[in-house]
Amino acid sequence: MSEFLVARGITKDYGKVQAVRGVDLAIKEGEFVALLGPSGCGKSTLLALLGGLERPSAGEVQLDGQDLQALDEDDLALLRRRKVGLVFQSFNLIPTVDALGNVAFPLFPQRLPNREKRQRAAAALGVVGMSHRAAHRPGELSGGEKQRVAIARALVTSPKIILADEPTGNLDSDTGQGIIELLAGLCRSQGTALLVATHDLRLAKVSARTISMKDGEVVECA
């Protein structure tokens, strides 16, 4: 497998605070990697840098051979929309829109018929076992159901990599286990690379590889 996502010496400063310090890493196509570390160690900031949501203070990030720093904001957003799926701990669903509409949302900038957008969204909901909740708004869903909808939203554009930030952090133990099994299954069945920031050691057990962070630095790769 070739390297799909590569970071070289990336650093992120917020004033006098250095949240990420000279990180090097590489994620291969179809690889499932768990990014481990305590709260506040820089995991979320690193994911934002790798996904092009923030720009590093130093270093470089390459996604599928493209240097993210060389892209302007429009091209960066286009690349992210085509190749990166994002999953957040807080779900980030639109409360006034049903599950199908939330999943279809990333497709709206694309020049596709509305019928096709809805079909793709329905298919993504089916992958995560949520077809029966398509017409329900987030307020009518449990935490685990919301996270499954959020994962479907990340999948709907057929990304090459999903970056997930603490996807089990707001879930109880049993529900979190279901999300872990779902993510692992998606990696196996669809060949989607996964980089999951977590302090949930159960994710480490099902991942192919782990990267550990402390105080903004990568301290161990296994």
N, C-alpha and C. Protein backbone atom coordinates (compact mmCIF):
# COMPACT_ATOMS: atom_id res chain seq x y z
N MET A 1 0.84 -1.20 0.00
CA MET A 1 0.00 0.00 0.00
C MET A 1 0.87 1.25 0.00
N SER A 2 0.48 2.23 -0.80
CA SER A 2 1.25 3.47 -0.86
C SER A 2 0.81 4.42 0.25
N GLU A 3 1.67 5.37 0.58
CA GLU A 3 1.36 6.36 1.60
C GLU A 3 0.40 7.39 1.04
N PHE A 4 -0.73 7.57 1.72
CA PHE A 4 -1.75 8.50 1.25
C PHE A 4 -1.67 9.85 1.94
N LEU A 5 -1.37 9.83 3.22
CA LEU A 5 -1.29 11.06 4.01
C LEU A 5 0.06 11.09 4.70
N VAL A 6 0.81 12.18 4.45
CA VAL A 6 2.17 12.30 4.98
C VAL A 6 2.34 13.66 5.63
N ALA A 7 2.88 13.68 6.84
CA ALA A 7 3.21 14.92 7.54
C ALA A 7 4.71 14.92 7.83
N ARG A 8 5.33 16.05 7.59
CA ARG A 8 6.77 16.17 7.84
C ARG A 8 7.03 17.41 8.69
N GLY A 9 7.43 17.18 9.91
CA GLY A 9 7.86 18.27 10.78
C GLY A 9 6.81 19.32 11.06
N ILE A 10 5.53 18.91 11.16
CA ILE A 10 4.50 19.94 11.32
C ILE A 10 4.41 20.42 12.77
N THR A 11 4.26 21.72 12.87
CA THR A 11 4.18 22.42 14.14
C THR A 11 3.00 23.38 14.08
N LYS A 12 2.32 23.55 15.19
CA LYS A 12 1.24 24.53 15.26
C LYS A 12 1.38 25.34 16.54
N ASP A 13 1.54 26.67 16.35
CA ASP A 13 1.67 27.59 17.46
C ASP A 13 0.41 28.43 17.60
N TYR A 14 -0.03 28.61 18.83
CA TYR A 14 -1.09 29.56 19.15
C TYR A 14 -0.48 30.57 20.12
N GLY A 15 0.06 31.63 19.55
CA GLY A 15 0.80 32.57 20.39
C GLY A 15 2.03 31.90 20.96
N LYS A 16 2.14 31.87 22.28
CA LYS A 16 3.30 31.26 22.93
C LYS A 16 3.09 29.78 23.20
N VAL A 17 1.90 29.28 22.90
CA VAL A 17 1.60 27.88 23.14
C VAL A 17 1.85 27.07 21.87
N GLN A 18 2.64 26.02 21.99
CA GLN A 18 2.92 25.14 20.85
C GLN A 18 2.10 23.86 21.02
N ALA A 19 1.00 23.78 20.28
CA ALA A 19 0.08 22.66 20.45
C ALA A 19 0.59 21.39 19.79
N VAL A 20 1.28 21.53 18.67
CA VAL A 20 1.87 20.39 17.95
C VAL A 20 3.33 20.74 17.68
N ARG A 21 4.20 19.78 17.93
CA ARG A 21 5.64 20.05 17.89
C ARG A 21 6.37 19.08 16.96
N GLY A 22 6.64 19.51 15.76
CA GLY A 22 7.50 18.76 14.85
C GLY A 22 7.09 17.32 14.59
N VAL A 23 5.83 17.11 14.26
CA VAL A 23 5.31 15.75 14.08
C VAL A 23 5.59 15.23 12.67
N ASP A 24 6.08 14.01 12.60
CA ASP A 24 6.24 13.27 11.35
C ASP A 24 5.35 12.03 11.44
N LEU A 25 4.57 11.78 10.39
CA LEU A 25 3.81 10.53 10.34
C LEU A 25 3.36 10.27 8.91
N ALA A 26 2.96 9.03 8.66
CA ALA A 26 2.44 8.64 7.35
C ALA A 26 1.34 7.62 7.54
N ILE A 27 0.26 7.78 6.78
CA ILE A 27 -0.87 6.85 6.79
C ILE A 27 -0.99 6.26 5.39
N LYS A 28 -1.07 4.94 5.32
CA LYS A 28 -1.18 4.26 4.03
C LYS A 28 -2.63 4.12 3.60
N GLU A 29 -2.83 3.89 2.33
CA GLU A 29 -4.18 3.66 1.80
C GLU A 29 -4.82 2.47 2.52
N GLY A 30 -6.05 2.66 2.98
CA GLY A 30 -6.78 1.57 3.61
C GLY A 30 -6.31 1.18 4.99
N GLU A 31 -5.44 1.96 5.60
CA GLU A 31 -4.89 1.62 6.91
C GLU A 31 -5.76 2.19 8.03
N PHE A 32 -5.87 1.45 9.12
CA PHE A 32 -6.61 1.88 10.31
C PHE A 32 -5.60 2.18 11.41
N VAL A 33 -5.48 3.46 11.75
CA VAL A 33 -4.49 3.90 12.73
C VAL A 33 -5.20 4.61 13.88
N ALA A 34 -4.85 4.24 15.10
CA ALA A 34 -5.37 4.90 16.29
C ALA A 34 -4.33 5.90 16.80
N LEU A 35 -4.76 7.14 17.00
CA LEU A 35 -3.90 8.20 17.54
C LEU A 35 -4.24 8.35 19.01
N LEU A 36 -3.35 7.91 19.88
CA LEU A 36 -3.61 7.83 21.30
C LEU A 36 -2.95 8.96 22.07
N GLY A 37 -3.52 9.25 23.23
CA GLY A 37 -2.92 10.26 24.10
C GLY A 37 -3.96 10.88 24.99
N PRO A 38 -3.53 11.48 26.11
CA PRO A 38 -4.48 12.10 27.04
C PRO A 38 -5.09 13.37 26.47
N SER A 39 -6.19 13.82 27.06
CA SER A 39 -6.81 15.08 26.65
C SER A 39 -5.79 16.21 26.76
N GLY A 40 -5.79 17.08 25.74
CA GLY A 40 -4.89 18.22 25.76
C GLY A 40 -3.51 17.96 25.21
N CYS A 41 -3.28 16.76 24.68
CA CYS A 41 -1.93 16.45 24.18
C CYS A 41 -1.70 16.91 22.76
N GLY A 42 -2.75 17.39 22.06
CA GLY A 42 -2.58 17.88 20.70
C GLY A 42 -3.21 17.02 19.63
N LYS A 43 -3.94 15.96 20.03
CA LYS A 43 -4.52 15.06 19.03
C LYS A 43 -5.50 15.79 18.10
N SER A 44 -6.41 16.56 18.67
CA SER A 44 -7.42 17.25 17.85
C SER A 44 -6.78 18.26 16.92
N THR A 45 -5.79 18.99 17.43
CA THR A 45 -5.08 19.96 16.59
C THR A 45 -4.38 19.26 15.44
N LEU A 46 -3.74 18.12 15.73
CA LEU A 46 -3.06 17.38 14.67
C LEU A 46 -4.04 16.92 13.61
N LEU A 47 -5.21 16.41 14.00
CA LEU A 47 -6.21 16.01 13.00
C LEU A 47 -6.63 17.19 12.14
N ALA A 48 -6.82 18.36 12.76
CA ALA A 48 -7.21 19.55 12.01
C ALA A 48 -6.14 19.94 10.99
N LEU A 49 -4.89 19.78 11.35
CA LEU A 49 -3.80 20.08 10.43
C LEU A 49 -3.75 19.08 9.29
N LEU A 50 -3.93 17.81 9.61
CA LEU A 50 -3.87 16.76 8.58
C LEU A 50 -5.04 16.85 7.62
N GLY A 51 -6.18 17.32 8.11
CA GLY A 51 -7.36 17.44 7.25
C GLY A 51 -7.47 18.77 6.54
N GLY A 52 -6.51 19.64 6.74
CA GLY A 52 -6.54 20.94 6.07
C GLY A 52 -7.51 21.92 6.67
N LEU A 53 -8.01 21.64 7.88
CA LEU A 53 -8.90 22.58 8.56
C LEU A 53 -8.10 23.74 9.15
N GLU A 54 -6.84 23.48 9.47
CA GLU A 54 -5.93 24.52 9.93
C GLU A 54 -4.62 24.35 9.18
N ARG A 55 -3.87 25.43 9.13
CA ARG A 55 -2.57 25.39 8.46
C ARG A 55 -1.46 25.35 9.50
N PRO A 56 -0.42 24.55 9.27
CA PRO A 56 0.66 24.47 10.25
C PRO A 56 1.50 25.74 10.29
N SER A 57 2.09 25.99 11.45
CA SER A 57 3.03 27.11 11.58
C SER A 57 4.35 26.79 10.88
N ALA A 58 4.68 25.50 10.80
CA ALA A 58 5.88 25.04 10.10
C ALA A 58 5.64 23.60 9.67
N GLY A 59 6.44 23.15 8.70
CA GLY A 59 6.31 21.79 8.19
C GLY A 59 5.34 21.70 7.04
N GLU A 60 5.09 20.47 6.57
CA GLU A 60 4.22 20.28 5.42
C GLU A 60 3.34 19.04 5.59
N VAL A 61 2.19 19.11 4.94
CA VAL A 61 1.25 17.98 4.90
C VAL A 61 0.95 17.69 3.43
N GLN A 62 1.07 16.42 3.05
CA GLN A 62 0.72 16.00 1.71
C GLN A 62 -0.43 15.00 1.78
N LEU A 63 -1.45 15.26 1.00
CA LEU A 63 -2.62 14.39 0.94
C LEU A 63 -2.77 13.89 -0.49
N ASP A 64 -2.62 12.59 -0.66
CA ASP A 64 -2.70 11.98 -1.99
C ASP A 64 -1.76 12.69 -2.98
N GLY A 65 -0.57 13.01 -2.49
CA GLY A 65 0.46 13.61 -3.33
C GLY A 65 0.38 15.12 -3.50
N GLN A 66 -0.62 15.76 -2.91
CA GLN A 66 -0.77 17.20 -3.03
C GLN A 66 -0.33 17.90 -1.75
N ASP A 67 0.47 18.92 -1.91
CA ASP A 67 0.95 19.72 -0.79
C ASP A 67 -0.16 20.68 -0.37
N LEU A 68 -0.70 20.49 0.83
CA LEU A 68 -1.84 21.30 1.27
C LEU A 68 -1.47 22.78 1.39
N GLN A 69 -0.22 23.06 1.73
CA GLN A 69 0.19 24.47 1.91
C GLN A 69 0.24 25.22 0.58
N ALA A 70 0.32 24.48 -0.52
CA ALA A 70 0.39 25.12 -1.83
C ALA A 70 -1.00 25.46 -2.37
N LEU A 71 -2.06 25.03 -1.69
CA LEU A 71 -3.42 25.25 -2.17
C LEU A 71 -4.03 26.48 -1.51
N ASP A 72 -4.83 27.22 -2.28
CA ASP A 72 -5.58 28.31 -1.66
C ASP A 72 -6.80 27.72 -0.95
N GLU A 73 -7.56 28.56 -0.27
CA GLU A 73 -8.65 28.06 0.56
C GLU A 73 -9.72 27.33 -0.26
N ASP A 74 -10.02 27.83 -1.46
CA ASP A 74 -11.04 27.18 -2.29
C ASP A 74 -10.60 25.80 -2.74
N ASP A 75 -9.35 25.69 -3.22
CA ASP A 75 -8.83 24.40 -3.68
C ASP A 75 -8.67 23.43 -2.51
N LEU A 76 -8.29 23.96 -1.36
CA LEU A 76 -8.16 23.12 -0.17
C LEU A 76 -9.52 22.55 0.24
N ALA A 77 -10.55 23.38 0.21
CA ALA A 77 -11.89 22.91 0.55
C ALA A 77 -12.37 21.87 -0.45
N LEU A 78 -12.04 22.05 -1.72
CA LEU A 78 -12.45 21.10 -2.75
C LEU A 78 -11.76 19.75 -2.55
N LEU A 79 -10.46 19.79 -2.26
CA LEU A 79 -9.72 18.56 -2.02
C LEU A 79 -10.27 17.83 -0.80
N ARG A 80 -10.54 18.59 0.25
CA ARG A 80 -11.06 17.98 1.48
C ARG A 80 -12.43 17.37 1.22
N ARG A 81 -13.27 18.06 0.45
CA ARG A 81 -14.61 17.56 0.19
C ARG A 81 -14.58 16.26 -0.62
N ARG A 82 -13.59 16.12 -1.49
CA ARG A 82 -13.51 14.95 -2.34
C ARG A 82 -12.84 13.75 -1.68
N LYS A 83 -11.89 14.00 -0.78
CA LYS A 83 -11.04 12.91 -0.34
C LYS A 83 -11.00 12.68 1.16
N VAL A 84 -11.60 13.58 1.95
CA VAL A 84 -11.52 13.46 3.41
C VAL A 84 -12.92 13.45 4.01
N GLY A 85 -13.15 12.48 4.89
CA GLY A 85 -14.37 12.47 5.68
C GLY A 85 -14.03 12.83 7.12
N LEU A 86 -14.86 13.64 7.76
CA LEU A 86 -14.59 14.11 9.11
C LEU A 86 -15.69 13.65 10.06
N VAL A 87 -15.28 13.11 11.21
CA VAL A 87 -16.22 12.68 12.24
C VAL A 87 -15.81 13.34 13.54
N PHE A 88 -16.77 14.00 14.21
CA PHE A 88 -16.47 14.77 15.41
C PHE A 88 -17.11 14.13 16.63
N GLN A 89 -16.49 14.34 17.80
CA GLN A 89 -17.02 13.81 19.05
C GLN A 89 -18.42 14.35 19.34
N SER A 90 -18.65 15.62 19.00
CA SER A 90 -19.93 16.27 19.30
C SER A 90 -20.94 16.13 18.15
N PHE A 91 -20.66 15.25 17.20
CA PHE A 91 -21.54 14.89 16.08
C PHE A 91 -21.67 15.99 15.02
N ASN A 92 -21.90 17.26 15.45
CA ASN A 92 -22.01 18.39 14.51
C ASN A 92 -23.11 18.19 13.47
N LEU A 93 -24.24 17.66 13.91
CA LEU A 93 -25.39 17.51 13.01
C LEU A 93 -26.25 18.77 13.05
N ILE A 94 -26.96 19.03 11.95
CA ILE A 94 -27.86 20.18 11.89
C ILE A 94 -29.16 19.80 12.58
N PRO A 95 -29.53 20.45 13.67
CA PRO A 95 -30.66 19.99 14.49
C PRO A 95 -32.01 20.05 13.80
N THR A 96 -32.17 20.95 12.84
CA THR A 96 -33.47 21.13 12.19
C THR A 96 -33.66 20.28 10.94
N VAL A 97 -32.65 19.45 10.62
CA VAL A 97 -32.66 18.65 9.39
C VAL A 97 -32.67 17.17 9.77
N ASP A 98 -33.43 16.37 9.04
CA ASP A 98 -33.49 14.94 9.36
C ASP A 98 -32.18 14.25 9.01
N ALA A 99 -32.07 12.98 9.39
CA ALA A 99 -30.83 12.23 9.21
C ALA A 99 -30.42 12.18 7.74
N LEU A 100 -31.38 11.94 6.86
CA LEU A 100 -31.07 11.87 5.43
C LEU A 100 -30.49 13.20 4.94
N GLY A 101 -31.10 14.31 5.35
CA GLY A 101 -30.61 15.62 4.94
C GLY A 101 -29.24 15.93 5.50
N ASN A 102 -28.98 15.52 6.74
CA ASN A 102 -27.65 15.72 7.32
C ASN A 102 -26.58 14.96 6.54
N VAL A 103 -26.89 13.74 6.17
CA VAL A 103 -25.92 12.93 5.43
C VAL A 103 -25.71 13.49 4.03
N ALA A 104 -26.77 14.00 3.42
CA ALA A 104 -26.67 14.54 2.06
C ALA A 104 -25.96 15.90 2.01
N PHE A 105 -25.85 16.55 3.15
CA PHE A 105 -25.34 17.93 3.18
C PHE A 105 -24.00 18.12 2.46
N PRO A 106 -23.00 17.25 2.64
CA PRO A 106 -21.72 17.45 1.93
C PRO A 106 -21.82 17.36 0.41
N LEU A 107 -22.93 16.82 -0.09
CA LEU A 107 -23.09 16.67 -1.54
C LEU A 107 -23.67 17.91 -2.21
N PHE A 108 -24.20 18.84 -1.43
CA PHE A 108 -24.90 19.96 -2.05
C PHE A 108 -24.02 20.85 -2.93
N PRO A 109 -22.73 21.04 -2.62
CA PRO A 109 -21.91 21.84 -3.54
C PRO A 109 -21.66 21.16 -4.88
N GLN A 110 -21.90 19.85 -4.95
CA GLN A 110 -21.66 19.12 -6.19
C GLN A 110 -22.82 19.29 -7.16
N ARG A 111 -22.49 19.29 -8.43
CA ARG A 111 -23.51 19.44 -9.46
C ARG A 111 -24.13 18.09 -9.78
N LEU A 112 -24.98 17.65 -8.85
CA LEU A 112 -25.68 16.39 -9.00
C LEU A 112 -27.18 16.64 -8.86
N PRO A 113 -27.99 15.85 -9.54
CA PRO A 113 -29.45 15.97 -9.33
C PRO A 113 -29.78 15.69 -7.86
N ASN A 114 -30.77 16.39 -7.35
CA ASN A 114 -31.16 16.19 -5.96
C ASN A 114 -31.54 14.73 -5.68
N ARG A 115 -32.14 14.10 -6.65
CA ARG A 115 -32.52 12.70 -6.47
C ARG A 115 -31.31 11.83 -6.23
N GLU A 116 -30.22 12.09 -6.97
CA GLU A 116 -29.00 11.30 -6.80
C GLU A 116 -28.37 11.58 -5.44
N LYS A 117 -28.39 12.84 -5.00
CA LYS A 117 -27.86 13.17 -3.68
C LYS A 117 -28.59 12.40 -2.59
N ARG A 118 -29.91 12.35 -2.70
CA ARG A 118 -30.70 11.64 -1.70
C ARG A 118 -30.45 10.13 -1.78
N GLN A 119 -30.26 9.61 -2.97
CA GLN A 119 -29.97 8.19 -3.12
C GLN A 119 -28.63 7.84 -2.48
N ARG A 120 -27.65 8.70 -2.70
CA ARG A 120 -26.33 8.45 -2.11
C ARG A 120 -26.39 8.54 -0.59
N ALA A 121 -27.14 9.51 -0.10
CA ALA A 121 -27.28 9.66 1.35
C ALA A 121 -28.00 8.45 1.94
N ALA A 122 -29.02 7.97 1.26
CA ALA A 122 -29.75 6.80 1.73
C ALA A 122 -28.84 5.57 1.75
N ALA A 123 -27.99 5.43 0.75
CA ALA A 123 -27.06 4.31 0.70
C ALA A 123 -26.06 4.38 1.85
N ALA A 124 -25.57 5.58 2.15
CA ALA A 124 -24.62 5.74 3.26
C ALA A 124 -25.28 5.41 4.60
N LEU A 125 -26.54 5.83 4.76
CA LEU A 125 -27.27 5.46 5.99
C LEU A 125 -27.43 3.95 6.09
N GLY A 126 -27.63 3.31 4.96
CA GLY A 126 -27.74 1.85 4.97
C GLY A 126 -26.46 1.17 5.42
N VAL A 127 -25.32 1.71 5.02
CA VAL A 127 -24.03 1.14 5.40
C VAL A 127 -23.86 1.13 6.91
N VAL A 128 -24.34 2.19 7.57
CA VAL A 128 -24.17 2.29 9.03
C VAL A 128 -25.38 1.79 9.80
N GLY A 129 -26.32 1.15 9.10
CA GLY A 129 -27.48 0.55 9.76
C GLY A 129 -28.51 1.55 10.26
N MET A 130 -28.67 2.67 9.55
CA MET A 130 -29.58 3.71 10.02
C MET A 130 -30.67 4.05 9.01
N SER A 131 -30.95 3.17 8.08
CA SER A 131 -31.98 3.45 7.08
C SER A 131 -33.34 3.71 7.73
N HIS A 132 -33.63 3.00 8.81
CA HIS A 132 -34.93 3.11 9.46
C HIS A 132 -35.10 4.42 10.22
N ARG A 133 -34.04 5.22 10.34
CA ARG A 133 -34.10 6.49 11.07
C ARG A 133 -33.88 7.68 10.13
N ALA A 134 -34.00 7.46 8.83
CA ALA A 134 -33.67 8.50 7.85
C ALA A 134 -34.50 9.77 8.03
N ALA A 135 -35.76 9.63 8.44
CA ALA A 135 -36.65 10.78 8.55
C ALA A 135 -36.63 11.43 9.93
N HIS A 136 -35.77 10.96 10.81
CA HIS A 136 -35.73 11.49 12.18
C HIS A 136 -34.67 12.57 12.32
N ARG A 137 -35.00 13.61 13.07
CA ARG A 137 -34.05 14.69 13.34
C ARG A 137 -33.12 14.29 14.48
N PRO A 138 -31.97 14.97 14.60
CA PRO A 138 -31.00 14.59 15.64
C PRO A 138 -31.58 14.53 17.05
N GLY A 139 -32.51 15.43 17.37
CA GLY A 139 -33.10 15.42 18.70
C GLY A 139 -33.90 14.18 19.00
N GLU A 140 -34.24 13.41 17.97
CA GLU A 140 -35.01 12.18 18.15
C GLU A 140 -34.12 10.93 18.15
N LEU A 141 -32.81 11.15 18.10
CA LEU A 141 -31.86 10.04 18.01
C LEU A 141 -31.04 9.91 19.29
N SER A 142 -30.61 8.69 19.59
CA SER A 142 -29.71 8.47 20.71
C SER A 142 -28.29 8.92 20.32
N GLY A 143 -27.40 8.95 21.30
CA GLY A 143 -26.03 9.35 21.01
C GLY A 143 -25.36 8.44 19.99
N GLY A 144 -25.55 7.14 20.14
CA GLY A 144 -24.96 6.21 19.18
C GLY A 144 -25.54 6.36 17.79
N GLU A 145 -26.85 6.63 17.72
CA GLU A 145 -27.47 6.84 16.41
C GLU A 145 -26.96 8.12 15.76
N LYS A 146 -26.77 9.16 16.55
CA LYS A 146 -26.22 10.40 16.01
C LYS A 146 -24.82 10.17 15.44
N GLN A 147 -24.01 9.39 16.17
CA GLN A 147 -22.66 9.15 15.68
C GLN A 147 -22.67 8.31 14.42
N ARG A 148 -23.60 7.38 14.30
CA ARG A 148 -23.71 6.61 13.06
C ARG A 148 -24.12 7.51 11.89
N VAL A 149 -25.01 8.45 12.13
CA VAL A 149 -25.38 9.40 11.09
C VAL A 149 -24.16 10.25 10.70
N ALA A 150 -23.40 10.66 11.71
CA ALA A 150 -22.20 11.46 11.43
C ALA A 150 -21.18 10.67 10.61
N ILE A 151 -21.07 9.38 10.87
CA ILE A 151 -20.16 8.54 10.10
C ILE A 151 -20.69 8.39 8.67
N ALA A 152 -22.01 8.23 8.53
CA ALA A 152 -22.60 8.15 7.18
C ALA A 152 -22.33 9.44 6.41
N ARG A 153 -22.44 10.57 7.07
CA ARG A 153 -22.14 11.85 6.43
C ARG A 153 -20.68 11.90 5.96
N ALA A 154 -19.77 11.35 6.76
CA ALA A 154 -18.37 11.31 6.35
C ALA A 154 -18.14 10.39 5.17
N LEU A 155 -18.97 9.36 5.05
CA LEU A 155 -18.80 8.36 3.98
C LEU A 155 -19.43 8.77 2.66
N VAL A 156 -20.39 9.68 2.69
CA VAL A 156 -21.26 9.90 1.52
C VAL A 156 -20.50 10.40 0.30
N THR A 157 -19.37 11.05 0.48
CA THR A 157 -18.59 11.53 -0.67
C THR A 157 -17.55 10.53 -1.13
N SER A 158 -17.59 9.31 -0.57
CA SER A 158 -16.62 8.25 -0.88
C SER A 158 -15.18 8.72 -0.68
N PRO A 159 -14.85 9.20 0.53
CA PRO A 159 -13.51 9.72 0.78
C PRO A 159 -12.48 8.59 0.81
N LYS A 160 -11.23 8.96 0.64
CA LYS A 160 -10.16 7.98 0.74
C LYS A 160 -9.68 7.81 2.18
N ILE A 161 -9.97 8.80 3.01
CA ILE A 161 -9.57 8.72 4.41
C ILE A 161 -10.63 9.39 5.28
N ILE A 162 -10.88 8.80 6.46
CA ILE A 162 -11.74 9.41 7.46
C ILE A 162 -10.88 9.80 8.66
N LEU A 163 -11.02 11.03 9.09
CA LEU A 163 -10.37 11.52 10.30
C LEU A 163 -11.44 11.66 11.36
N ALA A 164 -11.32 10.89 12.43
CA ALA A 164 -12.35 10.86 13.47
C ALA A 164 -11.74 11.33 14.79
N ASP A 165 -12.39 12.32 15.41
CA ASP A 165 -11.89 12.90 16.66
C ASP A 165 -12.75 12.42 17.83
N GLU A 166 -12.20 11.51 18.63
CA GLU A 166 -12.88 10.95 19.81
C GLU A 166 -14.31 10.50 19.47
N PRO A 167 -14.48 9.61 18.50
CA PRO A 167 -15.84 9.23 18.07
C PRO A 167 -16.64 8.48 19.12
N THR A 168 -15.98 7.94 20.16
CA THR A 168 -16.71 7.24 21.22
C THR A 168 -16.73 8.04 22.52
N GLY A 169 -16.20 9.26 22.49
CA GLY A 169 -16.02 10.03 23.72
C GLY A 169 -17.30 10.40 24.43
N ASN A 170 -18.39 10.60 23.69
CA ASN A 170 -19.66 10.99 24.30
C ASN A 170 -20.65 9.84 24.42
N LEU A 171 -20.15 8.61 24.28
CA LEU A 171 -21.03 7.45 24.25
C LEU A 171 -20.77 6.53 25.43
N ASP A 172 -21.81 5.79 25.84
CA ASP A 172 -21.60 4.80 26.90
C ASP A 172 -20.80 3.63 26.34
N SER A 173 -20.38 2.76 27.23
CA SER A 173 -19.44 1.70 26.87
C SER A 173 -19.98 0.79 25.76
N ASP A 174 -21.21 0.33 25.90
CA ASP A 174 -21.76 -0.59 24.91
C ASP A 174 -21.96 0.09 23.56
N THR A 175 -22.47 1.32 23.57
CA THR A 175 -22.68 2.05 22.32
C THR A 175 -21.35 2.35 21.66
N GLY A 176 -20.36 2.74 22.47
CA GLY A 176 -19.02 3.00 21.94
C GLY A 176 -18.43 1.77 21.28
N GLN A 177 -18.67 0.61 21.86
CA GLN A 177 -18.16 -0.63 21.26
C GLN A 177 -18.78 -0.85 19.89
N GLY A 178 -20.05 -0.53 19.74
CA GLY A 178 -20.69 -0.66 18.44
C GLY A 178 -20.08 0.25 17.40
N ILE A 179 -19.73 1.47 17.79
CA ILE A 179 -19.10 2.42 16.86
C ILE A 179 -17.71 1.93 16.48
N ILE A 180 -16.98 1.38 17.44
CA ILE A 180 -15.65 0.83 17.15
C ILE A 180 -15.74 -0.29 16.12
N GLU A 181 -16.68 -1.19 16.32
CA GLU A 181 -16.85 -2.30 15.38
C GLU A 181 -17.27 -1.80 14.01
N LEU A 182 -18.10 -0.76 13.98
CA LEU A 182 -18.53 -0.19 12.71
C LEU A 182 -17.34 0.40 11.96
N LEU A 183 -16.51 1.20 12.63
CA LEU A 183 -15.36 1.81 11.99
C LEU A 183 -14.39 0.76 11.46
N ALA A 184 -14.12 -0.24 12.28
CA ALA A 184 -13.20 -1.30 11.85
C ALA A 184 -13.75 -2.04 10.64
N GLY A 185 -15.06 -2.28 10.64
CA GLY A 185 -15.68 -2.96 9.51
C GLY A 185 -15.63 -2.14 8.23
N LEU A 186 -15.82 -0.83 8.35
CA LEU A 186 -15.75 0.03 7.18
C LEU A 186 -14.35 0.01 6.56
N CYS A 187 -13.34 0.01 7.42
CA CYS A 187 -11.97 -0.03 6.92
C CYS A 187 -11.72 -1.32 6.14
N ARG A 188 -12.22 -2.43 6.67
CA ARG A 188 -12.01 -3.72 6.01
C ARG A 188 -12.83 -3.83 4.72
N SER A 189 -14.09 -3.43 4.77
CA SER A 189 -14.99 -3.68 3.64
C SER A 189 -14.86 -2.66 2.51
N GLN A 190 -14.54 -1.41 2.86
CA GLN A 190 -14.52 -0.36 1.84
C GLN A 190 -13.11 0.14 1.51
N GLY A 191 -12.12 -0.31 2.25
CA GLY A 191 -10.75 0.11 1.98
C GLY A 191 -10.49 1.56 2.29
N THR A 192 -11.32 2.15 3.15
CA THR A 192 -11.14 3.54 3.54
C THR A 192 -10.10 3.62 4.65
N ALA A 193 -9.11 4.49 4.49
CA ALA A 193 -8.14 4.69 5.56
C ALA A 193 -8.82 5.42 6.72
N LEU A 194 -8.41 5.07 7.94
CA LEU A 194 -8.98 5.69 9.13
C LEU A 194 -7.86 6.15 10.05
N LEU A 195 -7.96 7.40 10.48
CA LEU A 195 -7.09 7.89 11.55
C LEU A 195 -8.01 8.39 12.64
N VAL A 196 -7.99 7.71 13.78
CA VAL A 196 -8.93 7.99 14.86
C VAL A 196 -8.18 8.48 16.08
N ALA A 197 -8.43 9.73 16.48
CA ALA A 197 -7.87 10.27 17.72
C ALA A 197 -8.73 9.81 18.88
N THR A 198 -8.12 9.21 19.89
CA THR A 198 -8.91 8.63 20.96
C THR A 198 -8.07 8.40 22.20
N HIS A 199 -8.73 8.27 23.33
CA HIS A 199 -8.07 7.73 24.52
C HIS A 199 -8.75 6.40 24.91
N ASP A 200 -9.57 5.88 23.99
CA ASP A 200 -10.27 4.61 24.18
C ASP A 200 -9.35 3.48 23.71
N LEU A 201 -8.81 2.71 24.66
CA LEU A 201 -7.85 1.67 24.32
C LEU A 201 -8.47 0.53 23.52
N ARG A 202 -9.80 0.43 23.51
CA ARG A 202 -10.45 -0.59 22.69
C ARG A 202 -10.21 -0.32 21.21
N LEU A 203 -10.14 0.95 20.83
CA LEU A 203 -9.85 1.29 19.44
C LEU A 203 -8.44 0.88 19.07
N ALA A 204 -7.52 1.01 20.01
CA ALA A 204 -6.15 0.61 19.74
C ALA A 204 -6.06 -0.89 19.45
N LYS A 205 -6.90 -1.66 20.12
CA LYS A 205 -6.85 -3.11 19.95
C LYS A 205 -7.32 -3.57 18.58
N VAL A 206 -8.22 -2.82 17.95
CA VAL A 206 -8.73 -3.24 16.64
C VAL A 206 -8.03 -2.52 15.49
N SER A 207 -7.21 -1.53 15.79
CA SER A 207 -6.50 -0.81 14.74
C SER A 207 -5.28 -1.62 14.28
N ALA A 208 -4.82 -1.31 13.08
CA ALA A 208 -3.63 -1.99 12.57
C ALA A 208 -2.36 -1.43 13.19
N ARG A 209 -2.43 -0.19 13.64
CA ARG A 209 -1.23 0.48 14.15
C ARG A 209 -1.64 1.60 15.09
N THR A 210 -0.79 1.93 16.04
CA THR A 210 -1.06 3.02 16.96
C THR A 210 0.05 4.06 16.92
N ILE A 211 -0.34 5.30 17.13
CA ILE A 211 0.59 6.42 17.27
C ILE A 211 0.23 7.10 18.59
N SER A 212 1.21 7.30 19.44
CA SER A 212 0.96 7.91 20.75
C SER A 212 1.54 9.31 20.80
N MET A 213 0.75 10.24 21.38
CA MET A 213 1.18 11.62 21.52
C MET A 213 1.27 12.01 22.99
N LYS A 214 2.17 12.94 23.26
CA LYS A 214 2.28 13.53 24.59
C LYS A 214 2.84 14.93 24.43
N ASP A 215 2.17 15.91 25.02
CA ASP A 215 2.64 17.30 24.99
C ASP A 215 2.95 17.78 23.58
N GLY A 216 2.08 17.42 22.61
CA GLY A 216 2.22 17.91 21.25
C GLY A 216 3.18 17.16 20.38
N GLU A 217 3.80 16.12 20.91
CA GLU A 217 4.80 15.36 20.15
C GLU A 217 4.37 13.91 20.00
N VAL A 218 4.80 13.28 18.90
CA VAL A 218 4.64 11.84 18.76
C VAL A 218 5.76 11.18 19.55
N VAL A 219 5.37 10.33 20.50
CA VAL A 219 6.36 9.72 21.38
C VAL A 219 6.54 8.24 21.09
N GLU A 220 5.60 7.65 20.34
CA GLU A 220 5.71 6.22 20.07
C GLU A 220 4.84 5.84 18.88
N CYS A 221 5.35 4.98 18.02
CA CYS A 221 4.58 4.40 16.94
C CYS A 221 4.71 2.88 17.04
N ALA A 222 3.59 2.18 16.92
CA ALA A 222 3.62 0.72 17.02
C ALA A 222 2.72 0.09 15.98
